Amino acid sequence: MALSENSKKVFNYVKDNDGVNMTAADIAEGTDLGVRTINGIVTSAFQRKGLMQRTPATIQLEDGTPKAVKFISLTDAGRAFDPDAPDEE
């Protein structure tokens, strides 16, 4: 599967931080891409192919207010995925 440069950047960032609870905003900050771009890439390039998943959660903001978020993480298939592998014909 050929990935765009931005998709590779997102995949490598998530893989390098595997096990860390990250939102699209966290990934956007770490990759210098916009949150909407991250959400589009995660959905179209990875989630639909079973390589990443979104897990609903609630976090507490500094003022104590709860906020619903979705953590993005690799699936087992995502951990085994090699973004640099040649496409199979």
PDB file of N, CA and C in Angstrom:
ATOM      1  N   MET A   1       0.856  -1.177   0.000  1.00  0.00           N
ATOM      2  CA  MET A   1       0.000   0.000   0.000  1.00  0.00           C
ATOM      3  C   MET A   1       0.899   1.236   0.000  1.00  0.00           C
ATOM      4  N   ALA A   2       0.788   2.027  -1.028  1.00  0.00           N
ATOM      5  CA  ALA A   2       1.580   3.257  -1.113  1.00  0.00           C
ATOM      6  C   ALA A   2       0.955   4.320  -0.222  1.00  0.00           C
ATOM      7  N   LEU A   3       1.771   4.928   0.607  1.00  0.00           N
ATOM      8  CA  LEU A   3       1.299   5.974   1.508  1.00  0.00           C
ATOM      9  C   LEU A   3       1.859   7.316   1.078  1.00  0.00           C
ATOM     10  N   SER A   4       1.066   8.374   1.278  1.00  0.00           N
ATOM     11  CA  SER A   4       1.566   9.722   1.044  1.00  0.00           C
ATOM     12  C   SER A   4       2.583  10.053   2.140  1.00  0.00           C
ATOM     13  N   GLU A   5       3.354  11.097   1.905  1.00  0.00           N
ATOM     14  CA  GLU A   5       4.340  11.505   2.916  1.00  0.00           C
ATOM     15  C   GLU A   5       3.673  11.833   4.246  1.00  0.00           C
ATOM     16  N   ASN A   6       2.522  12.545   4.196  1.00  0.00           N
ATOM     17  CA  ASN A   6       1.824  12.886   5.434  1.00  0.00           C
ATOM     18  C   ASN A   6       1.293  11.638   6.132  1.00  0.00           C
ATOM     19  N   SER A   7       0.801  10.669   5.359  1.00  0.00           N
ATOM     20  CA  SER A   7       0.316   9.425   5.968  1.00  0.00           C
ATOM     21  C   SER A   7       1.455   8.673   6.642  1.00  0.00           C
ATOM     22  N   LYS A   8       2.624   8.633   5.993  1.00  0.00           N
ATOM     23  CA  LYS A   8       3.792   7.982   6.613  1.00  0.00           C
ATOM     24  C   LYS A   8       4.193   8.705   7.894  1.00  0.00           C
ATOM     25  N   LYS A   9       4.151  10.037   7.859  1.00  0.00           N
ATOM     26  CA  LYS A   9       4.511  10.832   9.037  1.00  0.00           C
ATOM     27  C   LYS A   9       3.582  10.503  10.205  1.00  0.00           C
ATOM     28  N   VAL A  10       2.274  10.418   9.923  1.00  0.00           N
ATOM     29  CA  VAL A  10       1.294  10.095  10.971  1.00  0.00           C
ATOM     30  C   VAL A  10       1.516   8.673  11.474  1.00  0.00           C
ATOM     31  N   PHE A  11       1.658   7.718  10.550  1.00  0.00           N
ATOM     32  CA  PHE A  11       1.852   6.329  10.957  1.00  0.00           C
ATOM     33  C   PHE A  11       3.093   6.190  11.830  1.00  0.00           C
ATOM     34  N   ASN A  12       4.211   6.754  11.393  1.00  0.00           N
ATOM     35  CA  ASN A  12       5.456   6.634  12.160  1.00  0.00           C
ATOM     36  C   ASN A  12       5.352   7.307  13.522  1.00  0.00           C
ATOM     37  N   TYR A  13       4.655   8.430  13.602  1.00  0.00           N
ATOM     38  CA  TYR A  13       4.484   9.104  14.895  1.00  0.00           C
ATOM     39  C   TYR A  13       3.675   8.231  15.853  1.00  0.00           C
ATOM     40  N   VAL A  14       2.572   7.666  15.350  1.00  0.00           N
ATOM     41  CA  VAL A  14       1.742   6.810  16.204  1.00  0.00           C
ATOM     42  C   VAL A  14       2.532   5.561  16.606  1.00  0.00           C
ATOM     43  N   LYS A  15       3.271   4.976  15.672  1.00  0.00           N
ATOM     44  CA  LYS A  15       4.056   3.779  15.982  1.00  0.00           C
ATOM     45  C   LYS A  15       5.161   4.085  16.998  1.00  0.00           C
ATOM     46  N   ASP A  16       5.820   5.232  16.841  1.00  0.00           N
ATOM     47  CA  ASP A  16       6.886   5.613  17.775  1.00  0.00           C
ATOM     48  C   ASP A  16       6.350   5.879  19.173  1.00  0.00           C
ATOM     49  N   ASN A  17       5.068   6.196  19.276  1.00  0.00           N
ATOM     50  CA  ASN A  17       4.444   6.493  20.569  1.00  0.00           C
ATOM     51  C   ASN A  17       3.420   5.433  20.951  1.00  0.00           C
ATOM     52  N   ASP A  18       3.604   4.213  20.443  1.00  0.00           N
ATOM     53  CA  ASP A  18       2.675   3.117  20.722  1.00  0.00           C
ATOM     54  C   ASP A  18       2.546   2.922  22.228  1.00  0.00           C
ATOM     55  N   GLY A  19       1.326   2.813  22.702  1.00  0.00           N
ATOM     56  CA  GLY A  19       1.079   2.619  24.122  1.00  0.00           C
ATOM     57  C   GLY A  19       0.771   3.916  24.863  1.00  0.00           C
ATOM     58  N   VAL A  20       0.946   5.047  24.184  1.00  0.00           N
ATOM     59  CA  VAL A  20       0.649   6.354  24.778  1.00  0.00           C
ATOM     60  C   VAL A  20      -0.754   6.760  24.333  1.00  0.00           C
ATOM     61  N   ASN A  21      -1.577   7.243  25.264  1.00  0.00           N
ATOM     62  CA  ASN A  21      -2.907   7.729  24.899  1.00  0.00           C
ATOM     63  C   ASN A  21      -2.762   9.035  24.135  1.00  0.00           C
ATOM     64  N   MET A  22      -3.139   9.018  22.852  1.00  0.00           N
ATOM     65  CA  MET A  22      -3.003  10.205  22.008  1.00  0.00           C
ATOM     66  C   MET A  22      -4.307  10.497  21.292  1.00  0.00           C
ATOM     67  N   THR A  23      -4.646  11.776  21.225  1.00  0.00           N
ATOM     68  CA  THR A  23      -5.784  12.228  20.440  1.00  0.00           C
ATOM     69  C   THR A  23      -5.274  12.750  19.102  1.00  0.00           C
ATOM     70  N   ALA A  24      -6.191  13.068  18.202  1.00  0.00           N
ATOM     71  CA  ALA A  24      -5.799  13.665  16.925  1.00  0.00           C
ATOM     72  C   ALA A  24      -5.040  14.971  17.168  1.00  0.00           C
ATOM     73  N   ALA A  25      -5.436  15.729  18.193  1.00  0.00           N
ATOM     74  CA  ALA A  25      -4.739  16.989  18.510  1.00  0.00           C
ATOM     75  C   ALA A  25      -3.298  16.726  18.936  1.00  0.00           C
ATOM     76  N   ASP A  26      -3.072  15.669  19.701  1.00  0.00           N
ATOM     77  CA  ASP A  26      -1.708  15.318  20.120  1.00  0.00           C
ATOM     78  C   ASP A  26      -0.856  14.944  18.908  1.00  0.00           C
ATOM     79  N   ILE A  27      -1.432  14.162  18.004  1.00  0.00           N
ATOM     80  CA  ILE A  27      -0.701  13.747  16.810  1.00  0.00           C
ATOM     81  C   ILE A  27      -0.432  14.954  15.917  1.00  0.00           C
ATOM     82  N   ALA A  28      -1.420  15.832  15.803  1.00  0.00           N
ATOM     83  CA  ALA A  28      -1.249  17.051  15.001  1.00  0.00           C
ATOM     84  C   ALA A  28      -0.086  17.887  15.544  1.00  0.00           C
ATOM     85  N   GLU A  29      -0.025  18.031  16.840  1.00  0.00           N
ATOM     86  CA  GLU A  29       1.054  18.804  17.461  1.00  0.00           C
ATOM     87  C   GLU A  29       2.409  18.152  17.208  1.00  0.00           C
ATOM     88  N   GLY A  30       2.454  16.830  17.257  1.00  0.00           N
ATOM     89  CA  GLY A  30       3.716  16.114  17.083  1.00  0.00           C
ATOM     90  C   GLY A  30       4.190  16.011  15.640  1.00  0.00           C
ATOM     91  N   THR A  31       3.276  16.232  14.696  1.00  0.00           N
ATOM     92  CA  THR A  31       3.640  16.080  13.284  1.00  0.00           C
ATOM     93  C   THR A  31       3.581  17.391  12.505  1.00  0.00           C
ATOM     94  N   ASP A  32       3.159  18.471  13.161  1.00  0.00           N
ATOM     95  CA  ASP A  32       2.981  19.777  12.499  1.00  0.00           C
ATOM     96  C   ASP A  32       1.962  19.722  11.370  1.00  0.00           C
ATOM     97  N   LEU A  33       0.935  18.897  11.535  1.00  0.00           N
ATOM     98  CA  LEU A  33      -0.176  18.830  10.590  1.00  0.00           C
ATOM     99  C   LEU A  33      -1.437  19.290  11.326  1.00  0.00           C
ATOM    100  N   GLY A  34      -2.464  19.664  10.593  1.00  0.00           N
ATOM    101  CA  GLY A  34      -3.713  20.096  11.211  1.00  0.00           C
ATOM    102  C   GLY A  34      -4.528  18.932  11.744  1.00  0.00           C
ATOM    103  N   VAL A  35      -5.384  19.217  12.725  1.00  0.00           N
ATOM    104  CA  VAL A  35      -6.227  18.176  13.324  1.00  0.00           C
ATOM    105  C   VAL A  35      -7.149  17.566  12.278  1.00  0.00           C
ATOM    106  N   ARG A  36      -7.728  18.378  11.402  1.00  0.00           N
ATOM    107  CA  ARG A  36      -8.609  17.837  10.357  1.00  0.00           C
ATOM    108  C   ARG A  36      -7.832  16.920   9.420  1.00  0.00           C
ATOM    109  N   THR A  37      -6.598  17.282   9.122  1.00  0.00           N
ATOM    110  CA  THR A  37      -5.751  16.440   8.274  1.00  0.00           C
ATOM    111  C   THR A  37      -5.494  15.103   8.956  1.00  0.00           C
ATOM    112  N   ILE A  38      -5.174  15.153  10.243  1.00  0.00           N
ATOM    113  CA  ILE A  38      -4.922  13.916  11.013  1.00  0.00           C
ATOM    114  C   ILE A  38      -6.161  13.033  10.980  1.00  0.00           C
ATOM    115  N   ASN A  39      -7.313  13.606  11.272  1.00  0.00           N
ATOM    116  CA  ASN A  39      -8.544  12.807  11.288  1.00  0.00           C
ATOM    117  C   ASN A  39      -8.816  12.173   9.933  1.00  0.00           C
ATOM    118  N   GLY A  40      -8.604  12.908   8.860  1.00  0.00           N
ATOM    119  CA  GLY A  40      -8.812  12.353   7.523  1.00  0.00           C
ATOM    120  C   GLY A  40      -7.855  11.222   7.212  1.00  0.00           C
ATOM    121  N   ILE A  41      -6.587  11.427   7.544  1.00  0.00           N
ATOM    122  CA  ILE A  41      -5.583  10.387   7.291  1.00  0.00           C
ATOM    123  C   ILE A  41      -5.877   9.137   8.114  1.00  0.00           C
ATOM    124  N   VAL A  42      -6.168   9.318   9.400  1.00  0.00           N
ATOM    125  CA  VAL A  42      -6.430   8.151  10.262  1.00  0.00           C
ATOM    126  C   VAL A  42      -7.630   7.375   9.739  1.00  0.00           C
ATOM    127  N   THR A  43      -8.692   8.083   9.365  1.00  0.00           N
ATOM    128  CA  THR A  43      -9.894   7.400   8.886  1.00  0.00           C
ATOM    129  C   THR A  43      -9.657   6.693   7.561  1.00  0.00           C
ATOM    130  N   SER A  44      -9.162   7.437   6.568  1.00  0.00           N
ATOM    131  CA  SER A  44      -9.086   6.860   5.223  1.00  0.00           C
ATOM    132  C   SER A  44      -7.895   5.935   5.013  1.00  0.00           C
ATOM    133  N   ALA A  45      -6.742   6.282   5.553  1.00  0.00           N
ATOM    134  CA  ALA A  45      -5.544   5.481   5.283  1.00  0.00           C
ATOM    135  C   ALA A  45      -5.362   4.330   6.263  1.00  0.00           C
ATOM    136  N   PHE A  46      -5.891   4.453   7.475  1.00  0.00           N
ATOM    137  CA  PHE A  46      -5.559   3.444   8.490  1.00  0.00           C
ATOM    138  C   PHE A  46      -6.765   2.777   9.159  1.00  0.00           C
ATOM    139  N   GLN A  47      -7.731   3.529   9.611  1.00  0.00           N
ATOM    140  CA  GLN A  47      -8.843   2.923  10.340  1.00  0.00           C
ATOM    141  C   GLN A  47      -9.666   2.014   9.431  1.00  0.00           C
ATOM    142  N   ARG A  48      -9.967   2.446   8.224  1.00  0.00           N
ATOM    143  CA  ARG A  48     -10.771   1.626   7.303  1.00  0.00           C
ATOM    144  C   ARG A  48     -10.042   0.346   6.893  1.00  0.00           C
ATOM    145  N   LYS A  49      -8.715   0.351   7.010  1.00  0.00           N
ATOM    146  CA  LYS A  49      -7.921  -0.824   6.646  1.00  0.00           C
ATOM    147  C   LYS A  49      -7.581  -1.680   7.871  1.00  0.00           C
ATOM    148  N   GLY A  50      -8.103  -1.287   9.040  1.00  0.00           N
ATOM    149  CA  GLY A  50      -7.896  -2.071  10.249  1.00  0.00           C
ATOM    150  C   GLY A  50      -6.531  -1.890  10.887  1.00  0.00           C
ATOM    151  N   LEU A  51      -5.824  -0.815  10.553  1.00  0.00           N
ATOM    152  CA  LEU A  51      -4.479  -0.607  11.093  1.00  0.00           C
ATOM    153  C   LEU A  51      -4.452   0.286  12.332  1.00  0.00           C
ATOM    154  N   MET A  52      -5.471   1.128  12.488  1.00  0.00           N
ATOM    155  CA  MET A  52      -5.591   1.985  13.676  1.00  0.00           C
ATOM    156  C   MET A  52      -7.030   1.939  14.148  1.00  0.00           C
ATOM    157  N   GLN A  53      -7.211   2.304  15.415  1.00  0.00           N
ATOM    158  CA  GLN A  53      -8.549   2.345  15.990  1.00  0.00           C
ATOM    159  C   GLN A  53      -8.697   3.599  16.844  1.00  0.00           C
ATOM    160  N   ARG A  54      -9.949   4.012  17.020  1.00  0.00           N
ATOM    161  CA  ARG A  54     -10.262   5.123  17.920  1.00  0.00           C
ATOM    162  C   ARG A  54     -11.015   4.545  19.104  1.00  0.00           C
ATOM    163  N   THR A  55     -10.578   4.897  20.316  1.00  0.00           N
ATOM    164  CA  THR A  55     -11.200   4.390  21.526  1.00  0.00           C
ATOM    165  C   THR A  55     -11.776   5.558  22.314  1.00  0.00           C
ATOM    166  N   PRO A  56     -13.109   5.597  22.515  1.00  0.00           N
ATOM    167  CA  PRO A  56     -13.706   6.685  23.284  1.00  0.00           C
ATOM    168  C   PRO A  56     -13.216   6.667  24.740  1.00  0.00           C
ATOM    169  N   ALA A  57     -12.991   7.858  25.273  1.00  0.00           N
ATOM    170  CA  ALA A  57     -12.545   7.983  26.656  1.00  0.00           C
ATOM    171  C   ALA A  57     -12.969   9.353  27.174  1.00  0.00           C
ATOM    172  N   THR A  58     -12.828   9.552  28.460  1.00  0.00           N
ATOM    173  CA  THR A  58     -13.100  10.850  29.080  1.00  0.00           C
ATOM    174  C   THR A  58     -11.848  11.283  29.821  1.00  0.00           C
ATOM    175  N   ILE A  59     -11.424  12.513  29.572  1.00  0.00           N
ATOM    176  CA  ILE A  59     -10.284  13.071  30.295  1.00  0.00           C
ATOM    177  C   ILE A  59     -10.776  14.230  31.143  1.00  0.00           C
ATOM    178  N   GLN A  60      -9.948  14.635  32.082  1.00  0.00           N
ATOM    179  CA  GLN A  60     -10.305  15.757  32.934  1.00  0.00           C
ATOM    180  C   GLN A  60      -9.411  16.937  32.571  1.00  0.00           C
ATOM    181  N   LEU A  61     -10.044  18.065  32.237  1.00  0.00           N
ATOM    182  CA  LEU A  61      -9.302  19.272  31.910  1.00  0.00           C
ATOM    183  C   LEU A  61      -8.717  19.887  33.178  1.00  0.00           C
ATOM    184  N   GLU A  62      -7.823  20.844  33.012  1.00  0.00           N
ATOM    185  CA  GLU A  62      -7.162  21.470  34.164  1.00  0.00           C
ATOM    186  C   GLU A  62      -8.147  22.062  35.154  1.00  0.00           C
ATOM    187  N   ASP A  63      -9.279  22.583  34.661  1.00  0.00           N
ATOM    188  CA  ASP A  63     -10.271  23.184  35.563  1.00  0.00           C
ATOM    189  C   ASP A  63     -11.209  22.139  36.167  1.00  0.00           C
ATOM    190  N   GLY A  64     -10.955  20.865  35.910  1.00  0.00           N
ATOM    191  CA  GLY A  64     -11.758  19.785  36.482  1.00  0.00           C
ATOM    192  C   GLY A  64     -12.932  19.364  35.621  1.00  0.00           C
ATOM    193  N   THR A  65     -13.135  20.026  34.497  1.00  0.00           N
ATOM    194  CA  THR A  65     -14.240  19.702  33.606  1.00  0.00           C
ATOM    195  C   THR A  65     -13.920  18.423  32.825  1.00  0.00           C
ATOM    196  N   PRO A  66     -14.862  17.479  32.802  1.00  0.00           N
ATOM    197  CA  PRO A  66     -14.626  16.274  31.990  1.00  0.00           C
ATOM    198  C   PRO A  66     -14.823  16.577  30.513  1.00  0.00           C
ATOM    199  N   LYS A  67     -14.041  15.919  29.665  1.00  0.00           N
ATOM    200  CA  LYS A  67     -14.145  16.107  28.223  1.00  0.00           C
ATOM    201  C   LYS A  67     -14.060  14.751  27.537  1.00  0.00           C
ATOM    202  N   ALA A  68     -14.999  14.499  26.624  1.00  0.00           N
ATOM    203  CA  ALA A  68     -14.980  13.259  25.858  1.00  0.00           C
ATOM    204  C   ALA A  68     -13.949  13.384  24.738  1.00  0.00           C
ATOM    205  N   VAL A  69     -13.119  12.368  24.593  1.00  0.00           N
ATOM    206  CA  VAL A  69     -12.096  12.344  23.545  1.00  0.00           C
ATOM    207  C   VAL A  69     -12.072  10.951  22.932  1.00  0.00           C
ATOM    208  N   LYS A  70     -11.323  10.818  21.845  1.00  0.00           N
ATOM    209  CA  LYS A  70     -11.081   9.505  21.250  1.00  0.00           C
ATOM    210  C   LYS A  70      -9.575   9.345  21.109  1.00  0.00           C
ATOM    211  N   PHE A  71      -9.062   8.308  21.758  1.00  0.00           N
ATOM    212  CA  PHE A  71      -7.637   8.012  21.648  1.00  0.00           C
ATOM    213  C   PHE A  71      -7.402   7.196  20.383  1.00  0.00           C
ATOM    214  N   ILE A  72      -6.345   7.527  19.673  1.00  0.00           N
ATOM    215  CA  ILE A  72      -5.983   6.838  18.442  1.00  0.00           C
ATOM    216  C   ILE A  72      -4.809   5.917  18.742  1.00  0.00           C
ATOM    217  N   SER A  73      -4.929   4.664  18.330  1.00  0.00           N
ATOM    218  CA  SER A  73      -3.851   3.710  18.583  1.00  0.00           C
ATOM    219  C   SER A  73      -3.766   2.702  17.442  1.00  0.00           C
ATOM    220  N   LEU A  74      -2.643   2.019  17.388  1.00  0.00           N
ATOM    221  CA  LEU A  74      -2.454   0.962  16.399  1.00  0.00           C
ATOM    222  C   LEU A  74      -3.203  -0.294  16.820  1.00  0.00           C
ATOM    223  N   THR A  75      -3.686  -1.024  15.849  1.00  0.00           N
ATOM    224  CA  THR A  75      -4.203  -2.363  16.105  1.00  0.00           C
ATOM    225  C   THR A  75      -3.017  -3.327  15.990  1.00  0.00           C
ATOM    226  N   ASP A  76      -3.245  -4.598  16.261  1.00  0.00           N
ATOM    227  CA  ASP A  76      -2.168  -5.581  16.074  1.00  0.00           C
ATOM    228  C   ASP A  76      -1.708  -5.591  14.618  1.00  0.00           C
ATOM    229  N   ALA A  77      -2.664  -5.470  13.687  1.00  0.00           N
ATOM    230  CA  ALA A  77      -2.303  -5.419  12.266  1.00  0.00           C
ATOM    231  C   ALA A  77      -1.472  -4.169  11.971  1.00  0.00           C
ATOM    232  N   GLY A  78      -1.799  -3.075  12.627  1.00  0.00           N
ATOM    233  CA  GLY A  78      -1.041  -1.844  12.447  1.00  0.00           C
ATOM    234  C   GLY A  78       0.383  -1.970  12.955  1.00  0.00           C
ATOM    235  N   ARG A  79       0.557  -2.673  14.070  1.00  0.00           N
ATOM    236  CA  ARG A  79       1.910  -2.869  14.612  1.00  0.00           C
ATOM    237  C   ARG A  79       2.759  -3.712  13.659  1.00  0.00           C
ATOM    238  N   ALA A  80       2.118  -4.618  12.926  1.00  0.00           N
ATOM    239  CA  ALA A  80       2.843  -5.496  12.002  1.00  0.00           C
ATOM    240  C   ALA A  80       3.030  -4.853  10.620  1.00  0.00           C
ATOM    241  N   PHE A  81       2.328  -3.769  10.356  1.00  0.00           N
ATOM    242  CA  PHE A  81       2.357  -3.122   9.048  1.00  0.00           C
ATOM    243  C   PHE A  81       3.697  -2.436   8.795  1.00  0.00           C
ATOM    244  N   ASP A  82       4.228  -2.620   7.595  1.00  0.00           N
ATOM    245  CA  ASP A  82       5.482  -1.947   7.193  1.00  0.00           C
ATOM    246  C   ASP A  82       5.137  -0.919   6.122  1.00  0.00           C
ATOM    247  N   PRO A  83       5.184   0.373   6.471  1.00  0.00           N
ATOM    248  CA  PRO A  83       4.790   1.397   5.489  1.00  0.00           C
ATOM    249  C   PRO A  83       5.778   1.507   4.324  1.00  0.00           C
ATOM    250  N   ASP A  84       6.951   0.941   4.455  1.00  0.00           N
ATOM    251  CA  ASP A  84       7.960   1.026   3.398  1.00  0.00           C
ATOM    252  C   ASP A  84       8.024  -0.236   2.527  1.00  0.00           C
ATOM    253  N   ALA A  85       7.171  -1.217   2.824  1.00  0.00           N
ATOM    254  CA  ALA A  85       7.167  -2.440   2.033  1.00  0.00           C
ATOM    255  C   ALA A  85       6.636  -2.143   0.634  1.00  0.00           C
ATOM    256  N   PRO A  86       7.209  -2.789  -0.384  1.00  0.00           N
ATOM    257  CA  PRO A  86       6.728  -2.554  -1.755  1.00  0.00           C
ATOM    258  C   PRO A  86       5.305  -3.091  -1.908  1.00  0.00           C
ATOM    259  N   ASP A  87       4.550  -2.439  -2.765  1.00  0.00           N
ATOM    260  CA  ASP A  87       3.184  -2.899  -3.043  1.00  0.00           C
ATOM    261  C   ASP A  87       3.230  -4.262  -3.709  1.00  0.00           C
ATOM    262  N   GLU A  88       2.259  -5.109  -3.343  1.00  0.00           N
ATOM    263  CA  GLU A  88       2.156  -6.422  -3.976  1.00  0.00           C
ATOM    264  C   GLU A  88       1.343  -6.265  -5.260  1.00  0.00           C
ATOM    265  N   GLU A  89       1.766  -6.918  -6.287  1.00  0.00           N
ATOM    266  CA  GLU A  89       1.068  -6.822  -7.578  1.00  0.00           C
ATOM    267  C   GLU A  89       0.169  -8.015  -7.763  1.00  0.00           C
TER     268      GLU A  89
END
